[in-house]
N, C-alpha and C. Protein backbone atom coordinates (compact mmCIF):
# COMPACT_ATOMS: atom_id res chain seq x y z
N MET A 1 0.81 -1.18 0.00
CA MET A 1 0.00 0.00 0.00
C MET A 1 0.87 1.26 0.00
N PHE A 2 1.88 1.31 0.88
CA PHE A 2 2.70 2.51 0.96
C PHE A 2 3.80 2.52 -0.10
N ASN A 3 4.26 1.37 -0.51
CA ASN A 3 5.28 1.30 -1.56
C ASN A 3 4.58 0.89 -2.85
N SER A 4 4.19 1.87 -3.63
CA SER A 4 3.47 1.58 -4.87
C SER A 4 4.08 2.40 -6.01
N GLY A 5 3.79 1.97 -7.16
CA GLY A 5 4.31 2.68 -8.32
C GLY A 5 3.66 2.18 -9.59
N ASN A 6 3.97 2.84 -10.68
CA ASN A 6 3.40 2.45 -11.96
C ASN A 6 4.46 1.90 -12.91
N GLY A 7 5.62 1.55 -12.40
CA GLY A 7 6.68 1.05 -13.24
C GLY A 7 7.72 2.11 -13.53
N LYS A 8 7.27 3.33 -13.74
CA LYS A 8 8.18 4.43 -14.03
C LYS A 8 8.55 5.20 -12.76
N TYR A 9 7.57 5.43 -11.91
CA TYR A 9 7.79 6.18 -10.67
C TYR A 9 7.48 5.27 -9.47
N ASN A 10 8.28 5.40 -8.44
CA ASN A 10 8.05 4.62 -7.23
C ASN A 10 7.73 5.58 -6.08
N ASN A 11 6.61 5.39 -5.47
CA ASN A 11 6.21 6.22 -4.33
C ASN A 11 6.46 5.44 -3.04
N ALA A 12 7.50 5.78 -2.32
CA ALA A 12 7.81 5.10 -1.06
C ALA A 12 7.60 6.09 0.09
N ILE A 13 6.80 5.69 1.05
CA ILE A 13 6.53 6.54 2.21
C ILE A 13 7.08 5.84 3.44
N ASN A 14 7.94 6.52 4.18
CA ASN A 14 8.48 5.98 5.43
C ASN A 14 7.84 6.73 6.59
N ILE A 15 7.21 5.99 7.49
CA ILE A 15 6.55 6.58 8.64
C ILE A 15 7.25 6.09 9.90
N GLU A 16 7.72 7.02 10.72
CA GLU A 16 8.39 6.66 11.97
C GLU A 16 7.59 7.23 13.13
N VAL A 17 6.52 6.57 13.49
CA VAL A 17 5.69 6.98 14.61
C VAL A 17 5.34 5.75 15.43
N VAL A 18 4.88 6.00 16.65
CA VAL A 18 4.42 4.91 17.49
C VAL A 18 3.15 4.34 16.88
N SER A 19 3.11 3.05 16.76
CA SER A 19 1.96 2.40 16.16
C SER A 19 1.40 1.39 17.15
N GLY A 20 0.16 1.53 17.48
CA GLY A 20 -0.47 0.59 18.38
C GLY A 20 -0.97 1.28 19.63
N THR A 21 -1.51 0.47 20.50
CA THR A 21 -2.09 0.99 21.73
C THR A 21 -1.65 0.12 22.89
N LEU A 22 -1.28 0.75 23.98
CA LEU A 22 -1.02 0.03 25.21
C LEU A 22 -2.26 0.18 26.09
N ALA A 23 -2.79 -0.92 26.54
CA ALA A 23 -3.95 -0.90 27.42
C ALA A 23 -3.56 -1.50 28.76
N ARG A 24 -4.01 -0.88 29.80
CA ARG A 24 -3.70 -1.37 31.15
C ARG A 24 -4.46 -2.66 31.40
N ASN A 25 -3.75 -3.72 31.80
CA ASN A 25 -4.35 -5.04 31.94
C ASN A 25 -4.72 -5.40 33.37
N PHE A 26 -4.07 -4.82 34.35
CA PHE A 26 -4.32 -5.16 35.75
C PHE A 26 -4.55 -3.88 36.54
N THR A 27 -5.34 -3.98 37.60
CA THR A 27 -5.61 -2.79 38.42
C THR A 27 -4.36 -2.25 39.08
N ASN A 28 -3.43 -3.11 39.43
CA ASN A 28 -2.22 -2.66 40.13
C ASN A 28 -1.05 -2.41 39.20
N SER A 29 -1.24 -2.53 37.91
CA SER A 29 -0.13 -2.29 36.98
C SER A 29 0.04 -0.79 36.75
N PHE A 30 1.22 -0.43 36.23
CA PHE A 30 1.51 0.97 35.95
C PHE A 30 2.48 1.04 34.78
N PHE A 31 2.63 2.23 34.21
CA PHE A 31 3.47 2.42 33.03
C PHE A 31 4.75 3.15 33.39
N LEU A 32 5.82 2.75 32.71
CA LEU A 32 7.12 3.41 32.85
C LEU A 32 7.59 3.84 31.47
N TYR A 33 8.03 5.07 31.37
CA TYR A 33 8.59 5.62 30.13
C TYR A 33 10.08 5.82 30.36
N PHE A 34 10.91 5.22 29.52
CA PHE A 34 12.35 5.26 29.78
C PHE A 34 13.15 5.18 28.50
N ASP A 35 14.41 5.52 28.61
CA ASP A 35 15.38 5.46 27.52
C ASP A 35 16.04 4.09 27.56
N LEU A 36 16.15 3.44 26.41
CA LEU A 36 16.71 2.08 26.35
C LEU A 36 18.21 2.03 26.60
N ASN A 37 18.90 3.14 26.49
CA ASN A 37 20.36 3.16 26.65
C ASN A 37 20.78 3.68 28.01
N THR A 38 20.06 3.30 29.06
CA THR A 38 20.37 3.76 30.41
C THR A 38 20.48 2.58 31.37
N TRP A 39 21.00 2.86 32.54
CA TRP A 39 21.08 1.82 33.58
C TRP A 39 19.68 1.38 34.00
N PHE A 40 18.69 2.28 33.88
CA PHE A 40 17.32 1.95 34.25
C PHE A 40 16.78 0.82 33.37
N ALA A 41 17.02 0.91 32.08
CA ALA A 41 16.59 -0.15 31.16
C ALA A 41 17.32 -1.45 31.47
N ASP A 42 18.61 -1.37 31.79
CA ASP A 42 19.35 -2.57 32.15
C ASP A 42 18.75 -3.24 33.38
N ALA A 43 18.30 -2.44 34.35
CA ALA A 43 17.69 -3.00 35.56
C ALA A 43 16.34 -3.65 35.24
N LEU A 44 15.60 -3.08 34.29
CA LEU A 44 14.30 -3.65 33.92
C LEU A 44 14.43 -4.93 33.11
N PHE A 45 15.47 -5.02 32.28
CA PHE A 45 15.63 -6.19 31.42
C PHE A 45 16.58 -7.23 32.00
N ASN A 46 16.83 -7.14 33.27
CA ASN A 46 17.66 -8.10 33.98
C ASN A 46 16.88 -9.41 34.15
N ASP A 47 17.56 -10.49 34.58
CA ASP A 47 16.87 -11.76 34.83
C ASP A 47 15.83 -11.62 35.94
N THR A 48 16.13 -10.80 36.93
CA THR A 48 15.17 -10.49 37.98
C THR A 48 14.97 -8.97 38.01
N PRO A 49 14.05 -8.46 37.20
CA PRO A 49 13.87 -7.01 37.09
C PRO A 49 13.40 -6.38 38.40
N ILE A 50 13.98 -5.24 38.74
CA ILE A 50 13.70 -4.54 39.99
C ILE A 50 13.27 -3.11 39.68
N TYR A 51 12.24 -2.64 40.39
CA TYR A 51 11.84 -1.23 40.34
C TYR A 51 11.47 -0.81 41.75
N LYS A 52 12.08 0.24 42.24
CA LYS A 52 11.88 0.73 43.60
C LYS A 52 12.08 -0.39 44.63
N GLU A 53 13.15 -1.14 44.43
CA GLU A 53 13.58 -2.22 45.33
C GLU A 53 12.57 -3.36 45.46
N LYS A 54 11.68 -3.51 44.47
CA LYS A 54 10.73 -4.63 44.44
C LYS A 54 10.85 -5.32 43.09
N GLU A 55 10.66 -6.63 43.09
CA GLU A 55 10.72 -7.39 41.84
C GLU A 55 9.46 -7.13 41.03
N ILE A 56 9.63 -6.95 39.72
CA ILE A 56 8.50 -6.64 38.84
C ILE A 56 8.41 -7.64 37.70
N ILE A 57 7.29 -7.59 37.00
CA ILE A 57 7.07 -8.35 35.77
C ILE A 57 6.68 -7.34 34.70
N ILE A 58 7.33 -7.42 33.55
CA ILE A 58 6.98 -6.56 32.42
C ILE A 58 5.87 -7.26 31.64
N LEU A 59 4.71 -6.64 31.58
CA LEU A 59 3.56 -7.24 30.91
C LEU A 59 3.55 -6.97 29.42
N GLN A 60 3.90 -5.74 29.03
CA GLN A 60 3.97 -5.39 27.62
C GLN A 60 4.92 -4.22 27.44
N LEU A 61 5.43 -4.10 26.23
CA LEU A 61 6.44 -3.09 25.94
C LEU A 61 6.18 -2.51 24.56
N MET A 62 6.31 -1.19 24.44
CA MET A 62 6.18 -0.54 23.15
C MET A 62 7.41 0.33 22.90
N LEU A 63 8.06 0.11 21.76
CA LEU A 63 9.19 0.95 21.36
C LEU A 63 8.65 2.22 20.73
N CYS A 64 9.16 3.37 21.17
CA CYS A 64 8.63 4.66 20.72
C CYS A 64 9.53 5.36 19.72
N GLY A 65 10.68 4.84 19.43
CA GLY A 65 11.61 5.50 18.53
C GLY A 65 12.61 6.31 19.32
N ASN A 66 13.70 6.66 18.68
CA ASN A 66 14.78 7.41 19.32
C ASN A 66 15.29 6.73 20.59
N GLY A 67 15.22 5.41 20.63
CA GLY A 67 15.75 4.67 21.77
C GLY A 67 14.92 4.78 23.03
N GLN A 68 13.63 5.06 22.92
CA GLN A 68 12.77 5.17 24.09
C GLN A 68 11.67 4.13 24.04
N ALA A 69 11.12 3.80 25.22
CA ALA A 69 10.10 2.77 25.30
C ALA A 69 9.12 3.09 26.42
N ILE A 70 7.94 2.48 26.32
CA ILE A 70 6.93 2.53 27.37
C ILE A 70 6.64 1.08 27.74
N ALA A 71 6.63 0.79 29.04
CA ALA A 71 6.37 -0.57 29.50
C ALA A 71 5.26 -0.57 30.53
N GLU A 72 4.37 -1.54 30.42
CA GLU A 72 3.40 -1.77 31.49
C GLU A 72 4.03 -2.81 32.41
N VAL A 73 4.14 -2.47 33.67
CA VAL A 73 4.76 -3.37 34.65
C VAL A 73 3.84 -3.53 35.85
N ILE A 74 4.09 -4.60 36.59
CA ILE A 74 3.36 -4.87 37.83
C ILE A 74 4.34 -5.51 38.80
N TYR A 75 4.17 -5.21 40.07
CA TYR A 75 5.01 -5.86 41.07
C TYR A 75 4.67 -7.35 41.11
N ARG A 76 5.69 -8.19 41.23
CA ARG A 76 5.49 -9.64 41.22
C ARG A 76 4.50 -10.08 42.29
N VAL A 77 4.57 -9.49 43.46
CA VAL A 77 3.67 -9.84 44.57
C VAL A 77 2.21 -9.58 44.18
N ASP A 78 1.95 -8.45 43.55
CA ASP A 78 0.59 -8.14 43.12
C ASP A 78 0.11 -9.08 42.02
N PHE A 79 1.02 -9.42 41.10
CA PHE A 79 0.67 -10.31 40.00
C PHE A 79 0.32 -11.70 40.51
N GLU A 80 1.15 -12.21 41.41
CA GLU A 80 0.92 -13.57 41.92
C GLU A 80 -0.30 -13.65 42.82
N SER A 81 -0.63 -12.60 43.55
CA SER A 81 -1.82 -12.63 44.40
C SER A 81 -3.08 -12.60 43.55
N GLY A 82 -3.03 -12.02 42.38
CA GLY A 82 -4.18 -11.97 41.49
C GLY A 82 -4.37 -13.23 40.68
N ARG A 83 -3.42 -14.14 40.71
CA ARG A 83 -3.51 -15.37 39.91
C ARG A 83 -4.15 -16.52 40.66
N GLU A 84 -4.57 -16.30 41.90
CA GLU A 84 -5.19 -17.36 42.67
C GLU A 84 -6.62 -17.54 42.19
N ILE A 85 -6.84 -18.56 41.39
CA ILE A 85 -8.15 -18.83 40.80
C ILE A 85 -8.60 -20.22 41.18
N ASP A 86 -9.83 -20.33 41.64
CA ASP A 86 -10.40 -21.64 41.95
C ASP A 86 -10.91 -22.28 40.66
N ILE A 87 -10.40 -23.44 40.37
CA ILE A 87 -10.85 -24.17 39.19
C ILE A 87 -11.68 -25.36 39.66
N GLN A 88 -12.93 -25.38 39.25
CA GLN A 88 -13.82 -26.48 39.64
C GLN A 88 -14.06 -27.36 38.43
N ILE A 89 -13.85 -28.63 38.63
CA ILE A 89 -14.06 -29.59 37.54
C ILE A 89 -15.31 -30.41 37.79
């Protein structure tokens, strides 16, 4: 659709914008906006990610361009307490 032409002329359009929507999935989740080239990003993408001295889970991530991102995160304690579901067979 964006790269079209008639054989003689080629119309190429490059769009560099955020595409998509982040929706909050849990009541206790929150969003973090950060630069990917910082110690903060390294702490989030560690094997045991930490934010404000608590372990977190990254639920979703959106790259925004220019090395920046938005992440929906939740503290592990809040996530695990919400997963207690009674299954009746």
